[in-house]
Protein backbone atom coordinates (compact mmCIF):
# COMPACT_ATOMS: atom_id res chain seq x y z
CA MET A 1 109.92 111.59 76.69
CA THR A 2 110.75 114.58 79.12
CA ARG A 3 107.01 115.58 79.63
CA LEU A 4 106.59 111.90 80.52
CA LEU A 5 109.40 111.72 82.68
CA THR A 6 107.96 114.78 84.55
CA ILE A 7 104.48 113.32 85.10
CA GLU A 8 106.16 110.29 86.17
CA ARG A 9 108.02 112.03 89.00
CA VAL A 10 104.92 114.04 89.76
CA CYS A 11 102.89 110.62 90.39
CA LEU A 12 105.26 108.87 92.32
CA ALA A 13 106.07 111.98 94.61
CA GLY A 14 102.13 112.08 94.94
CA HIS A 15 102.06 108.24 95.54
CA VAL A 16 104.66 108.61 98.38
CA LEU A 17 103.28 111.57 100.11
CA SER A 18 99.80 110.06 100.03
CA MET A 19 101.45 107.11 101.82
CA ILE A 20 102.89 109.18 104.57
CA PHE A 21 99.68 111.26 104.85
CA GLY A 22 97.66 107.89 105.40
CA LEU A 23 100.60 106.48 108.10
CA ALA A 24 99.92 109.83 109.61
CA GLY A 25 96.33 109.30 109.91
CA LEU A 26 96.29 105.64 110.84
CA LEU A 27 99.01 105.59 113.25
CA TRP A 28 98.64 108.92 114.93
CA VAL A 29 95.36 110.76 114.41
CA LEU A 30 92.90 107.92 114.77
CA PRO A 31 94.41 106.48 117.89
CA HIS A 32 93.74 110.06 119.65
CA PRO A 33 90.42 111.12 119.50
CA GLU A 34 91.21 114.23 121.04
CA VAL A 35 93.13 115.35 117.86
CA LEU A 36 89.98 114.82 115.89
CA ALA A 37 87.86 116.76 118.33
CA ALA A 38 90.31 119.56 118.01
CA LEU A 39 90.29 119.74 114.24
CA PRO A 40 88.06 122.61 112.48
CA GLU A 41 85.16 121.25 110.54
CA GLN A 42 86.78 121.57 107.20
CA SER A 43 89.73 119.66 108.28
CA LEU A 44 87.59 117.01 109.93
CA THR A 45 85.78 116.66 106.58
CA LEU A 46 89.04 116.63 104.58
CA PHE A 47 90.36 113.72 107.06
CA GLN A 48 87.20 111.73 106.52
CA LEU A 49 87.57 111.97 102.74
CA SER A 50 91.24 110.85 103.00
CA LEU A 51 90.48 107.75 104.96
CA SER A 52 87.70 106.78 102.65
CA GLY A 53 89.67 107.54 99.26
CA GLY A 54 93.13 107.53 100.12
CA GLY A 55 93.97 104.10 99.42
CA VAL A 56 92.33 104.89 95.82
CA VAL A 57 94.32 107.59 95.44
CA TYR A 58 98.05 106.08 96.03
CA MET A 59 97.46 102.89 94.19
CA VAL A 60 96.00 104.60 91.26
CA LEU A 61 99.32 106.95 91.28
CA ALA A 62 101.37 104.19 91.58
CA ALA A 63 99.90 102.47 88.49
CA ILE A 64 100.17 105.32 86.54
CA THR A 65 103.74 106.05 87.73
CA VAL A 66 104.58 102.22 86.90
CA SER A 67 102.96 102.51 83.34
CA LEU A 68 104.93 105.58 82.46
CA PHE A 69 107.97 104.08 83.66
CA ALA A 70 107.33 100.99 81.67
CA TYR A 71 106.38 102.68 78.50
CA ARG A 72 109.41 104.77 78.68
CA THR A 73 112.11 102.45 79.38
CA LEU A 74 110.64 99.16 77.66
CA GLY A 75 108.51 100.30 75.37
CA ALA A 76 104.51 99.99 74.76
CA TYR A 77 104.41 96.31 74.01
CA ARG A 78 106.24 95.18 76.96
CA TRP A 79 104.22 97.65 79.25
CA LEU A 80 100.68 96.31 78.09
CA SER A 81 101.92 92.84 77.80
CA PHE A 82 102.64 92.78 81.48
CA MET A 83 99.81 95.05 82.68
CA ILE A 84 96.92 93.41 80.92
CA PRO A 85 97.80 89.59 82.35
CA ALA A 86 98.62 90.98 85.77
CA VAL A 87 95.52 93.14 86.03
CA PHE A 88 93.00 90.55 84.45
CA LEU A 89 94.52 87.39 85.94
CA SER A 90 94.87 88.92 89.59
CA LEU A 91 91.41 90.05 89.26
CA GLY A 92 90.22 86.72 88.39
CA SER A 93 91.97 85.19 91.13
CA GLU A 94 90.64 87.67 93.76
CA LEU A 95 87.16 87.50 92.55
CA LEU A 96 87.71 83.44 92.89
CA GLY A 97 89.12 84.01 96.32
CA THR A 98 86.11 86.33 97.74
CA SER A 99 83.52 83.96 96.12
CA THR A 100 84.92 80.47 97.17
CA GLY A 101 88.06 80.89 99.43
CA PHE A 102 90.38 79.59 96.78
CA PRO A 103 92.97 80.59 96.48
CA PHE A 104 93.77 82.75 99.52
CA GLY A 105 91.27 81.31 102.34
CA HIS A 106 87.80 82.82 102.76
CA TYR A 107 88.09 86.66 103.00
CA HIS A 108 85.99 89.71 102.11
CA TYR A 109 87.14 93.45 101.41
CA LEU A 110 85.94 96.17 103.57
CA SER A 111 85.48 99.75 102.58
CA GLY A 112 88.43 102.41 101.83
CA LEU A 113 89.62 100.79 98.42
CA GLY A 114 87.36 102.28 95.98
CA TYR A 115 84.41 100.65 93.55
CA LYS A 116 84.06 96.93 94.11
CA ILE A 117 83.99 94.79 90.77
CA ALA A 118 81.12 92.46 90.95
CA GLY A 119 80.59 93.99 94.57
CA LEU A 120 83.53 91.94 95.55
CA VAL A 121 86.95 93.22 94.65
CA PRO A 122 87.96 96.95 94.81
CA PHE A 123 89.19 97.85 91.38
CA THR A 124 92.53 99.40 92.85
CA ILE A 125 93.43 95.80 94.01
CA PRO A 126 94.38 94.35 90.62
CA LEU A 127 96.36 97.75 89.92
CA SER A 128 98.44 96.80 93.09
CA TRP A 129 99.22 93.51 91.55
CA PHE A 130 100.31 95.17 88.61
CA TYR A 131 102.57 97.88 89.85
CA LEU A 132 104.31 96.02 92.48
CA GLY A 133 104.59 92.85 90.37
CA PHE A 134 106.21 94.72 87.47
CA SER A 135 108.57 96.52 90.18
CA THR A 136 109.64 93.04 91.40
CA TYR A 137 109.86 91.45 87.96
CA VAL A 138 112.03 94.02 86.41
CA LEU A 139 114.37 94.19 89.54
CA ALA A 140 115.05 90.32 89.25
CA GLY A 141 115.04 90.45 85.30
CA ALA A 142 117.62 93.13 85.06
CA ALA A 143 119.91 91.76 87.84
CA LEU A 144 119.89 88.39 86.34
CA THR A 145 120.44 90.01 82.79
CA ARG A 146 123.32 91.87 83.83
CA LEU A 147 124.97 88.70 85.70
CA SER A 148 124.46 86.70 82.63
CA TYR A 149 126.04 89.11 80.14
CA ARG A 150 129.10 89.56 82.64
CA TRP A 151 129.72 85.95 83.14
CA GLY A 152 129.35 85.39 79.26
CA GLN A 153 131.54 88.32 78.60
CA GLY A 154 129.24 90.00 76.19
CA LYS A 155 127.15 86.84 75.45
CA GLU A 156 124.53 85.41 77.41
CA GLY A 157 126.11 83.10 80.03
CA ILE A 158 122.80 81.81 81.64
CA PRO A 159 120.42 80.02 79.24
CA PRO A 160 117.61 82.36 78.38
CA LEU A 161 114.76 79.92 79.69
CA LEU A 162 116.77 79.51 83.04
CA ARG A 163 117.30 83.13 83.25
CA VAL A 164 113.38 83.76 82.81
CA LEU A 165 112.29 81.13 85.42
CA GLY A 166 114.75 82.91 87.65
CA THR A 167 113.29 86.18 87.15
CA ILE A 168 109.60 84.62 87.83
CA VAL A 169 110.82 82.74 91.08
CA LEU A 170 112.47 86.03 92.48
CA GLY A 171 110.01 88.31 91.35
CA MET A 172 107.19 86.13 92.85
CA MET A 173 109.42 85.65 96.36
CA LEU A 174 109.31 89.49 96.58
CA LEU A 175 105.83 90.23 95.93
CA THR A 176 105.12 87.55 98.63
CA ALA A 177 107.43 88.93 100.94
CA TRP A 178 105.52 92.03 100.75
CA ASP A 179 102.28 90.25 101.79
CA LEU A 180 104.05 89.21 104.89
CA VAL A 181 103.71 92.92 106.23
CA LEU A 182 100.87 94.21 104.20
CA ASP A 183 98.14 91.34 105.25
CA PRO A 184 98.76 91.75 108.87
CA ALA A 185 98.52 95.73 108.77
CA MET A 186 95.12 95.49 106.35
CA SER A 187 93.30 92.98 108.10
CA GLN A 188 94.55 92.85 111.66
CA ALA A 189 95.15 96.55 112.46
CA PRO A 190 92.25 98.53 114.11
CA PHE A 191 91.19 100.34 110.77
CA LYS A 192 90.84 97.33 108.53
CA PHE A 193 90.60 97.20 104.85
CA TRP A 194 89.74 93.31 104.39
CA GLU A 195 89.15 90.50 106.88
CA PHE A 196 89.61 86.69 106.94
CA GLN A 197 86.67 84.82 108.20
CA GLU A 198 88.52 81.78 109.27
CA ALA A 199 91.18 81.83 111.96
CA GLY A 200 94.59 81.30 109.97
CA ALA A 201 97.52 79.65 111.70
CA PHE A 202 100.06 82.06 110.51
CA PHE A 203 99.67 85.08 112.50
CA GLY A 204 95.86 85.15 111.61
CA MET A 205 96.47 84.27 108.10
CA PRO A 206 95.71 81.18 106.64
CA TYR A 207 98.71 79.32 105.15
CA ARG A 208 96.95 79.02 101.79
CA ASN A 209 96.81 83.04 101.60
CA LEU A 210 100.63 82.76 101.11
CA SER A 211 100.62 80.11 98.52
CA GLY A 212 97.64 81.70 96.66
CA TRP A 213 99.95 85.20 96.49
CA MET A 214 102.86 82.89 95.05
CA ALA A 215 100.82 81.17 92.60
CA THR A 216 98.80 84.24 91.57
CA GLY A 217 102.33 86.01 90.89
CA ALA A 218 103.91 82.97 89.29
CA VAL A 219 100.99 82.88 87.00
CA TYR A 220 100.93 86.44 85.64
CA MET A 221 104.60 86.65 85.32
CA THR A 222 104.77 83.36 83.44
CA ALA A 223 101.96 84.82 80.82
CA ALA A 224 103.93 88.08 80.63
CA SER A 225 107.27 86.20 80.14
CA LEU A 226 105.33 84.40 77.32
CA PHE A 227 104.70 87.61 75.62
CA TRP A 228 108.22 89.22 76.33
CA LYS A 229 109.69 86.03 74.64
CA GLN A 230 112.80 85.40 76.85
CA GLU A 231 114.04 89.24 75.81
CA PRO A 232 116.71 90.27 78.41
CA ILE A 233 116.08 93.34 80.55
CA PHE A 234 118.82 95.99 80.08
CA LEU A 235 118.12 98.51 82.86
CA SER A 236 120.61 100.23 85.02
CA ARG A 237 120.90 100.68 88.79
CA GLN A 238 119.70 104.55 88.08
CA GLN A 239 116.71 103.58 85.87
CA LEU A 240 115.49 101.03 88.34
CA LEU A 241 115.70 103.28 91.28
CA LEU A 242 112.03 104.04 90.69
CA PRO A 243 110.76 100.44 91.08
CA LEU A 244 112.80 99.99 93.97
CA ILE A 245 111.53 103.35 95.62
CA LEU A 246 107.91 101.72 94.71
CA TYR A 247 108.78 98.60 96.50
CA THR A 248 110.65 99.89 99.47
CA VAL A 249 107.62 102.55 100.30
CA ASN A 250 104.94 99.97 100.07
CA PHE A 251 106.81 97.59 102.19
CA GLY A 252 107.42 100.03 104.65
CA PHE A 253 103.81 101.31 104.86
CA GLY A 254 102.74 97.88 105.63
CA ALA A 255 105.47 97.17 108.23
CA MET A 256 105.25 100.54 110.20
CA ILE A 257 101.49 99.64 110.79
CA THR A 258 102.31 96.20 111.65
CA ILE A 259 105.02 97.16 114.01
CA VAL A 260 102.96 99.98 115.60
CA GLN A 261 99.52 98.75 116.06
CA LEU A 262 99.99 95.29 116.35
CA ASP A 263 101.45 92.70 119.04
CA GLN A 264 105.40 92.18 119.02
CA ILE A 265 104.88 88.59 118.20
CA PHE A 266 104.16 90.11 114.57
CA LEU A 267 107.79 91.45 114.22
CA PHE A 268 108.34 87.83 113.10
CA PRO A 269 106.66 88.09 109.73
CA VAL A 270 108.14 91.50 109.43
CA CYS A 271 111.47 90.20 109.95
CA LEU A 272 110.78 87.51 107.68
CA GLY A 273 109.49 90.13 104.86
CA VAL A 274 112.77 91.99 105.40
CA VAL A 275 114.79 89.11 104.63
CA LEU A 276 112.89 87.49 101.83
CA GLY A 277 112.08 90.62 100.17
CA LEU A 278 113.46 94.01 101.16
CA ILE A 279 117.06 92.98 101.43
CA PRO A 280 117.15 90.83 98.10
CA ALA A 281 115.49 93.68 96.49
CA LEU A 282 118.44 95.98 97.53
CA GLY A 283 120.61 93.43 96.44
CA LEU A 284 119.12 93.01 93.02
CA TRP A 285 119.07 96.65 92.47
CA TRP A 286 123.06 96.99 93.40
CA LEU A 287 123.73 94.33 91.13
CA THR A 288 122.18 96.13 88.08
CA GLY A 289 125.15 98.60 87.99
CA THR A 290 125.50 102.04 86.61
CA PRO A 291 125.18 103.45 83.20
CA GLU A 292 128.82 104.28 83.31
CA ASP A 293 129.41 100.57 83.66
CA PRO A 294 127.06 98.95 81.25
CA VAL A 295 127.15 95.46 80.21
CA GLN A 296 125.43 94.87 76.95
CA PRO A 297 125.41 92.11 74.30
CA LEU A 298 127.96 91.59 71.61
CA SER A 299 126.59 92.61 68.00
CA PRO A 300 125.91 89.80 65.50
CA ALA A 301 129.24 90.32 63.92
CA GLU A 302 131.31 90.24 67.25
CA LEU A 303 129.43 86.97 68.03
CA LYS A 304 130.60 85.60 64.89
CA SER A 305 134.19 86.62 65.50
CA PRO A 306 136.57 83.93 66.69
CA ALA A 307 137.48 85.93 69.78
CA ALA A 308 133.62 85.63 71.03
CA VAL A 309 133.57 81.74 70.07
CA SER A 310 136.93 81.05 72.41
């Protein structure tokens, strides 16, 4: 496990550094042609390679990071039973969307995100649905688990089905809040990764793009929850620092591009994303508590005792 943790941390560091490097390129180098003109030939070639493949690198590293984290903290079954539905159901939704316009509206992907499956959807896109969806799901699930067992004084104080539904709703909300800053940055900034083929009423995005995000997230999170069989998620604040960092960094990446490169009116979706996503994510993380203050379920013997029943 020590070796896995080391690889996990290296991949996380690589993910964060590649996003910082990407921001520097998109926000500073590209808008200033004189910087590009002054670069040596080898540096210019490296920069061009980073533009064409940088998005692939940071998403692949994030998917590896979350896979290792999920395996290490929750086990192989929970990792795979979340990843497989997330990847294949989101891919199906994206293929349907790029082919028919449902459920996101009419759009198509440009270059920069890797090989396109069926010539339509970059292979990295389902990976991003997985690693961000897993991060938001466990943040929500761990917080609700902790609250439930605290209220129940060692027993589950919230009905399991209600806890799972709450986890899906909160996870879906955080995931969609990320799209509020991601879509403008990726589809309307000077350097685009995808574009809509219809004028959207919500800051250039069709409203059904947001409903499509919510529906896709809800579908694959629900599928995963069926495999997890309403089992609680016991993860501490310290353990959940990695999902929080991933969510915050990815949110910040889209927000920075949107704020710097787009009109001031786009501050509204950024602020809305902060209110619906970033602040709740921080709150959920804080609620999960520390390893020094665990909230664990009572044992079967304790549950049968008179004190537990009273």
